[in-house]
Amino acid sequence: MAASVGSSRSLIAWRVSERFEIASCVAIMEEAVRKAVSGDDRPTLMADGGIENFNGALDALVGDGRLSRVLALVDVDSRTR
C-alpha cells in the first residue's frame, strides 16, 4: 500500500503487509497527511469499498479536510464518462 501526492506524484508513505488491515491503511494515510507539503496538495486515497478504506479514523481525516478520498469504480468511472 502506498500514498502519493497528486501534483508531483511523488511517493510520500508506504508499507508492505501480508494483508489489508485497518491499522496499516490508517498509518499510511496519517503519515501521508503529516508529509503533505501544503493543504492545497492534500493526499488522496483512491480506494475500493473495503473496511480498511472506510472506517472512523480515515473518515476523521477526510472530514477535517486533511485527506481526500475517491471511491474507485464509482467516482473514477463516473468522471470518465
Foldseek 3Di string as FASTA:
>chain_A
DWWAWPPVRDTQFDDDDPDQDLVRLLVRQVSQLVPDPDLVGAIEAEEAPDPSCDDDSNVVCVVVSRYHYHHPPPRVVVVVD
